[in-house]
Amino acid sequence: QLQASGGGSVQPGGSLRLSCVVSGITFGRYAFSWYRQVPGKGPEWVSGLNDDGSGPRYSDAVKGRFTISKDFAKSTVILQMTALEPEDTARYFCVKYPVRILDVKIHYDAWGQGTQVTVSS
């Protein structure tokens, strides 16, 4: 299971920290990503990292503002979001890949319900 939390409503320029608690699998064996989706559009890849937490990658839209990491003690994938913009408004959900090294071309095999992020003044 992947359970995301930490979303909310913030003003532009604000920050949020999303958490994705992973259970039922060996956390350190798989790559993970965060995606986001707005109504009427397909999922947009945001960020991902390898099984050991290395190799973080970001979409151009969030590079320099978001940071992804793994907390192995808590089996949690974290997305620290800063300098939030109205365009970041979406439902964010985490996904697991069936591989160790991140490859966004590979389809994920598990995902959570997500958490809503709203950025507005």
N, C-alpha and C. Protein backbone atom coordinates (compact mmCIF):
# COMPACT_ATOMS: atom_id res chain seq x y z
N GLN A 1 0.82 -1.20 0.00
CA GLN A 1 0.00 0.00 0.00
C GLN A 1 0.85 1.25 0.00
N LEU A 2 0.35 2.29 -0.67
CA LEU A 2 1.02 3.58 -0.68
C LEU A 2 0.00 4.62 -0.20
N GLN A 3 0.28 5.25 0.91
CA GLN A 3 -0.64 6.20 1.51
C GLN A 3 0.00 7.57 1.56
N ALA A 4 -0.54 8.49 0.75
CA ALA A 4 0.01 9.84 0.70
C ALA A 4 -0.73 10.77 1.65
N SER A 5 -0.01 11.73 2.17
CA SER A 5 -0.59 12.75 3.03
C SER A 5 0.25 14.01 2.97
N GLY A 6 -0.24 15.07 3.60
CA GLY A 6 0.53 16.30 3.67
C GLY A 6 0.04 17.41 2.76
N GLY A 7 -0.94 17.13 1.94
CA GLY A 7 -1.48 18.16 1.07
C GLY A 7 -2.24 19.21 1.85
N GLY A 8 -2.66 20.25 1.14
CA GLY A 8 -3.42 21.32 1.77
C GLY A 8 -3.51 22.52 0.87
N SER A 9 -3.97 23.63 1.45
CA SER A 9 -4.09 24.88 0.72
C SER A 9 -3.03 25.86 1.21
N VAL A 10 -2.30 26.43 0.28
CA VAL A 10 -1.25 27.40 0.62
C VAL A 10 -1.29 28.56 -0.36
N GLN A 11 -0.69 29.64 0.04
CA GLN A 11 -0.57 30.80 -0.85
C GLN A 11 0.65 30.64 -1.74
N PRO A 12 0.66 31.31 -2.87
CA PRO A 12 1.85 31.26 -3.74
C PRO A 12 3.10 31.64 -2.95
N GLY A 13 4.15 30.89 -3.20
CA GLY A 13 5.40 31.10 -2.49
C GLY A 13 5.53 30.24 -1.25
N GLY A 14 4.46 29.57 -0.87
CA GLY A 14 4.48 28.74 0.32
C GLY A 14 5.12 27.39 0.09
N SER A 15 5.12 26.59 1.15
CA SER A 15 5.76 25.27 1.12
C SER A 15 4.82 24.21 1.69
N LEU A 16 5.01 23.00 1.21
CA LEU A 16 4.33 21.83 1.76
C LEU A 16 5.27 20.64 1.70
N ARG A 17 5.04 19.71 2.60
CA ARG A 17 5.84 18.47 2.63
C ARG A 17 4.89 17.31 2.50
N LEU A 18 5.00 16.60 1.39
CA LEU A 18 4.15 15.43 1.16
C LEU A 18 4.89 14.17 1.61
N SER A 19 4.13 13.25 2.18
CA SER A 19 4.69 11.98 2.61
C SER A 19 3.91 10.84 1.98
N CYS A 20 4.61 9.80 1.61
CA CYS A 20 3.99 8.60 1.06
C CYS A 20 4.50 7.42 1.88
N VAL A 21 3.66 6.92 2.77
CA VAL A 21 4.04 5.79 3.60
C VAL A 21 3.77 4.50 2.84
N VAL A 22 4.80 3.67 2.76
CA VAL A 22 4.74 2.44 1.98
C VAL A 22 4.69 1.25 2.91
N SER A 23 3.77 0.34 2.66
CA SER A 23 3.66 -0.85 3.49
C SER A 23 3.41 -2.06 2.60
N GLY A 24 3.75 -3.22 3.14
CA GLY A 24 3.48 -4.46 2.43
C GLY A 24 4.52 -4.90 1.43
N ILE A 25 5.57 -4.11 1.25
CA ILE A 25 6.65 -4.48 0.33
C ILE A 25 7.98 -4.13 0.98
N THR A 26 9.07 -4.59 0.39
CA THR A 26 10.41 -4.24 0.88
C THR A 26 10.77 -2.88 0.30
N PHE A 27 10.68 -1.87 1.15
CA PHE A 27 10.79 -0.49 0.71
C PHE A 27 12.06 -0.19 -0.06
N GLY A 28 13.18 -0.75 0.40
CA GLY A 28 14.47 -0.41 -0.18
C GLY A 28 14.81 -1.13 -1.47
N ARG A 29 13.88 -1.85 -2.04
CA ARG A 29 14.18 -2.62 -3.26
C ARG A 29 13.63 -1.99 -4.53
N TYR A 30 12.92 -0.88 -4.40
CA TYR A 30 12.21 -0.35 -5.56
C TYR A 30 12.38 1.16 -5.73
N ALA A 31 12.29 1.57 -6.99
CA ALA A 31 12.26 3.00 -7.30
C ALA A 31 10.84 3.52 -7.13
N PHE A 32 10.74 4.81 -6.81
CA PHE A 32 9.45 5.46 -6.61
C PHE A 32 9.42 6.80 -7.33
N SER A 33 8.21 7.26 -7.59
CA SER A 33 8.01 8.58 -8.16
C SER A 33 6.78 9.23 -7.54
N TRP A 34 6.73 10.53 -7.72
CA TRP A 34 5.52 11.30 -7.46
C TRP A 34 4.98 11.76 -8.82
N TYR A 35 3.67 11.66 -8.97
CA TYR A 35 2.95 12.19 -10.11
C TYR A 35 1.92 13.19 -9.58
N ARG A 36 1.39 13.99 -10.49
CA ARG A 36 0.28 14.87 -10.13
C ARG A 36 -0.72 14.88 -11.27
N GLN A 37 -1.96 15.18 -10.90
CA GLN A 37 -3.02 15.16 -11.90
C GLN A 37 -4.08 16.20 -11.56
N VAL A 38 -4.53 16.90 -12.59
CA VAL A 38 -5.64 17.83 -12.44
C VAL A 38 -6.83 17.27 -13.20
N PRO A 39 -8.02 17.62 -12.82
CA PRO A 39 -9.20 17.08 -13.49
C PRO A 39 -9.18 17.34 -14.99
N GLY A 40 -9.47 16.29 -15.75
CA GLY A 40 -9.54 16.42 -17.19
C GLY A 40 -8.23 16.23 -17.91
N LYS A 41 -7.15 16.02 -17.16
CA LYS A 41 -5.84 15.81 -17.78
C LYS A 41 -5.23 14.51 -17.28
N GLY A 42 -4.27 14.01 -18.04
CA GLY A 42 -3.58 12.80 -17.64
C GLY A 42 -2.56 13.08 -16.55
N PRO A 43 -2.06 12.05 -15.90
CA PRO A 43 -1.04 12.22 -14.86
C PRO A 43 0.23 12.83 -15.43
N GLU A 44 0.85 13.68 -14.63
CA GLU A 44 2.11 14.33 -15.00
C GLU A 44 3.18 13.87 -14.03
N TRP A 45 4.26 13.33 -14.55
CA TRP A 45 5.38 12.91 -13.71
C TRP A 45 6.05 14.15 -13.11
N VAL A 46 6.34 14.07 -11.81
CA VAL A 46 6.92 15.21 -11.09
C VAL A 46 8.37 14.94 -10.69
N SER A 47 8.60 13.78 -10.05
CA SER A 47 9.92 13.51 -9.53
C SER A 47 10.04 12.03 -9.19
N GLY A 48 11.26 11.51 -9.17
CA GLY A 48 11.46 10.12 -8.82
C GLY A 48 12.88 9.87 -8.35
N LEU A 49 13.09 8.68 -7.76
CA LEU A 49 14.42 8.32 -7.29
C LEU A 49 14.59 6.82 -7.26
N ASN A 50 15.84 6.37 -7.13
CA ASN A 50 16.17 4.95 -7.14
C ASN A 50 15.86 4.26 -5.82
N ASP A 51 16.05 2.97 -5.79
CA ASP A 51 15.73 2.16 -4.62
C ASP A 51 16.49 2.61 -3.38
N ASP A 52 17.74 3.02 -3.54
CA ASP A 52 18.55 3.41 -2.39
C ASP A 52 18.48 4.91 -2.10
N GLY A 53 17.59 5.60 -2.78
CA GLY A 53 17.43 7.03 -2.57
C GLY A 53 18.32 7.88 -3.44
N SER A 54 19.14 7.26 -4.25
CA SER A 54 20.05 8.01 -5.12
C SER A 54 19.35 8.43 -6.41
N GLY A 55 20.06 9.26 -7.18
CA GLY A 55 19.59 9.62 -8.51
C GLY A 55 18.28 10.35 -8.60
N PRO A 56 18.02 11.31 -7.69
CA PRO A 56 16.75 12.03 -7.78
C PRO A 56 16.64 12.79 -9.09
N ARG A 57 15.48 12.75 -9.69
CA ARG A 57 15.21 13.45 -10.94
C ARG A 57 13.92 14.24 -10.81
N TYR A 58 13.85 15.33 -11.58
CA TYR A 58 12.72 16.23 -11.48
C TYR A 58 12.26 16.67 -12.87
N SER A 59 10.98 16.94 -12.97
CA SER A 59 10.48 17.54 -14.20
C SER A 59 10.97 18.98 -14.27
N ASP A 60 11.02 19.53 -15.46
CA ASP A 60 11.46 20.91 -15.62
C ASP A 60 10.56 21.87 -14.85
N ALA A 61 9.30 21.50 -14.70
CA ALA A 61 8.34 22.39 -14.04
C ALA A 61 8.63 22.59 -12.56
N VAL A 62 9.31 21.62 -11.94
CA VAL A 62 9.51 21.70 -10.49
C VAL A 62 10.97 21.72 -10.09
N LYS A 63 11.87 21.58 -11.05
CA LYS A 63 13.30 21.53 -10.75
C LYS A 63 13.74 22.79 -10.02
N GLY A 64 14.47 22.61 -8.95
CA GLY A 64 14.95 23.74 -8.18
C GLY A 64 14.00 24.16 -7.07
N ARG A 65 12.78 23.63 -7.09
CA ARG A 65 11.79 24.00 -6.07
C ARG A 65 11.37 22.80 -5.22
N PHE A 66 11.38 21.61 -5.79
CA PHE A 66 10.96 20.40 -5.08
C PHE A 66 12.18 19.52 -4.80
N THR A 67 12.10 18.78 -3.71
CA THR A 67 13.15 17.83 -3.36
C THR A 67 12.51 16.51 -2.95
N ILE A 68 12.96 15.44 -3.56
CA ILE A 68 12.44 14.11 -3.23
C ILE A 68 13.48 13.34 -2.42
N SER A 69 13.01 12.54 -1.48
CA SER A 69 13.93 11.75 -0.67
C SER A 69 13.21 10.53 -0.12
N LYS A 70 13.98 9.62 0.44
CA LYS A 70 13.44 8.43 1.09
C LYS A 70 13.84 8.42 2.56
N ASP A 71 12.88 8.17 3.42
CA ASP A 71 13.16 7.94 4.84
C ASP A 71 13.03 6.45 5.07
N PHE A 72 14.18 5.76 5.14
CA PHE A 72 14.14 4.30 5.24
C PHE A 72 13.64 3.83 6.60
N ALA A 73 13.87 4.61 7.62
CA ALA A 73 13.39 4.22 8.96
C ALA A 73 11.87 4.20 9.03
N LYS A 74 11.24 5.04 8.20
CA LYS A 74 9.78 5.14 8.23
C LYS A 74 9.13 4.61 6.95
N SER A 75 9.92 4.03 6.06
CA SER A 75 9.40 3.52 4.78
C SER A 75 8.52 4.56 4.10
N THR A 76 9.07 5.74 3.98
CA THR A 76 8.32 6.89 3.48
C THR A 76 9.08 7.60 2.36
N VAL A 77 8.36 7.94 1.31
CA VAL A 77 8.91 8.77 0.24
C VAL A 77 8.40 10.19 0.48
N ILE A 78 9.31 11.13 0.53
CA ILE A 78 8.98 12.50 0.88
C ILE A 78 9.16 13.41 -0.33
N LEU A 79 8.23 14.34 -0.49
CA LEU A 79 8.37 15.37 -1.52
C LEU A 79 8.26 16.72 -0.82
N GLN A 80 9.39 17.38 -0.67
CA GLN A 80 9.42 18.71 -0.08
C GLN A 80 9.20 19.72 -1.20
N MET A 81 8.15 20.51 -1.07
CA MET A 81 7.79 21.46 -2.12
C MET A 81 7.93 22.88 -1.58
N THR A 82 8.68 23.71 -2.28
CA THR A 82 8.86 25.10 -1.89
C THR A 82 8.52 26.01 -3.07
N ALA A 83 8.40 27.29 -2.79
CA ALA A 83 8.10 28.29 -3.82
C ALA A 83 6.92 27.83 -4.68
N LEU A 84 5.88 27.39 -4.03
CA LEU A 84 4.74 26.84 -4.75
C LEU A 84 4.05 27.90 -5.60
N GLU A 85 3.55 27.45 -6.74
CA GLU A 85 2.89 28.33 -7.71
C GLU A 85 1.47 27.81 -7.95
N PRO A 86 0.57 28.67 -8.40
CA PRO A 86 -0.80 28.20 -8.70
C PRO A 86 -0.80 27.01 -9.67
N GLU A 87 0.17 26.98 -10.57
CA GLU A 87 0.25 25.87 -11.54
C GLU A 87 0.59 24.53 -10.88
N ASP A 88 1.01 24.56 -9.63
CA ASP A 88 1.29 23.31 -8.91
C ASP A 88 0.03 22.69 -8.32
N THR A 89 -1.09 23.37 -8.42
CA THR A 89 -2.34 22.84 -7.90
C THR A 89 -2.71 21.56 -8.62
N ALA A 90 -2.89 20.48 -7.85
CA ALA A 90 -3.18 19.16 -8.42
C ALA A 90 -3.34 18.16 -7.29
N ARG A 91 -3.75 16.97 -7.67
CA ARG A 91 -3.73 15.86 -6.72
C ARG A 91 -2.41 15.13 -6.94
N TYR A 92 -1.65 14.95 -5.89
CA TYR A 92 -0.34 14.33 -5.96
C TYR A 92 -0.43 12.90 -5.43
N PHE A 93 0.13 11.98 -6.18
CA PHE A 93 0.13 10.60 -5.72
C PHE A 93 1.49 9.96 -6.00
N CYS A 94 1.84 9.01 -5.15
CA CYS A 94 3.13 8.33 -5.30
C CYS A 94 2.91 6.97 -5.96
N VAL A 95 3.94 6.53 -6.66
CA VAL A 95 3.87 5.27 -7.37
C VAL A 95 5.14 4.48 -7.13
N LYS A 96 5.03 3.17 -7.27
CA LYS A 96 6.16 2.25 -7.13
C LYS A 96 6.42 1.59 -8.48
N TYR A 97 7.70 1.44 -8.80
CA TYR A 97 8.09 0.71 -10.01
C TYR A 97 8.58 -0.68 -9.64
N PRO A 98 8.46 -1.63 -10.55
CA PRO A 98 8.93 -2.99 -10.27
C PRO A 98 10.43 -3.16 -10.51
N VAL A 99 11.17 -2.05 -10.40
CA VAL A 99 12.62 -2.09 -10.66
C VAL A 99 13.34 -1.27 -9.60
N ARG A 100 14.65 -1.44 -9.53
CA ARG A 100 15.45 -0.70 -8.55
C ARG A 100 15.84 0.69 -9.04
N ILE A 101 16.16 0.78 -10.33
CA ILE A 101 16.65 2.04 -10.90
C ILE A 101 15.50 2.74 -11.61
N LEU A 102 15.33 4.01 -11.31
CA LEU A 102 14.23 4.78 -11.87
C LEU A 102 14.28 4.80 -13.39
N ASP A 103 13.16 4.45 -14.00
CA ASP A 103 13.00 4.55 -15.44
C ASP A 103 11.53 4.91 -15.68
N VAL A 104 11.29 6.16 -16.00
CA VAL A 104 9.91 6.61 -16.10
C VAL A 104 9.20 6.02 -17.31
N LYS A 105 9.95 5.36 -18.18
CA LYS A 105 9.31 4.70 -19.33
C LYS A 105 8.67 3.38 -18.93
N ILE A 106 9.10 2.87 -17.79
CA ILE A 106 8.51 1.63 -17.27
C ILE A 106 7.22 1.99 -16.52
N HIS A 107 6.16 1.24 -16.76
CA HIS A 107 4.92 1.55 -16.07
C HIS A 107 5.01 1.13 -14.61
N TYR A 108 4.49 1.98 -13.74
CA TYR A 108 4.48 1.65 -12.32
C TYR A 108 3.48 0.55 -12.04
N ASP A 109 3.69 -0.18 -10.95
CA ASP A 109 2.83 -1.31 -10.65
C ASP A 109 2.06 -1.15 -9.35
N ALA A 110 2.21 -0.03 -8.70
CA ALA A 110 1.42 0.25 -7.50
C ALA A 110 1.32 1.76 -7.33
N TRP A 111 0.21 2.22 -6.81
CA TRP A 111 0.02 3.66 -6.60
C TRP A 111 -0.99 3.88 -5.50
N GLY A 112 -0.94 5.08 -4.92
CA GLY A 112 -1.84 5.41 -3.84
C GLY A 112 -2.96 6.34 -4.30
N GLN A 113 -3.82 6.72 -3.34
CA GLN A 113 -4.97 7.57 -3.64
C GLN A 113 -4.58 9.02 -3.89
N GLY A 114 -3.50 9.44 -3.25
CA GLY A 114 -3.06 10.80 -3.47
C GLY A 114 -3.54 11.77 -2.42
N THR A 115 -3.00 12.99 -2.52
CA THR A 115 -3.34 14.06 -1.61
C THR A 115 -3.44 15.37 -2.40
N GLN A 116 -4.43 16.18 -2.07
CA GLN A 116 -4.71 17.38 -2.85
C GLN A 116 -3.84 18.55 -2.40
N VAL A 117 -3.24 19.23 -3.36
CA VAL A 117 -2.47 20.45 -3.12
C VAL A 117 -3.15 21.58 -3.89
N THR A 118 -3.47 22.65 -3.18
CA THR A 118 -4.10 23.81 -3.80
C THR A 118 -3.28 25.05 -3.47
N VAL A 119 -2.86 25.75 -4.51
CA VAL A 119 -2.04 26.95 -4.34
C VAL A 119 -2.83 28.13 -4.91
N SER A 120 -3.25 29.02 -4.04
CA SER A 120 -4.01 30.19 -4.50
C SER A 120 -3.91 31.30 -3.47
N SER A 121 -4.14 32.51 -3.95
CA SER A 121 -4.11 33.65 -3.04
C SER A 121 -5.53 34.04 -2.63
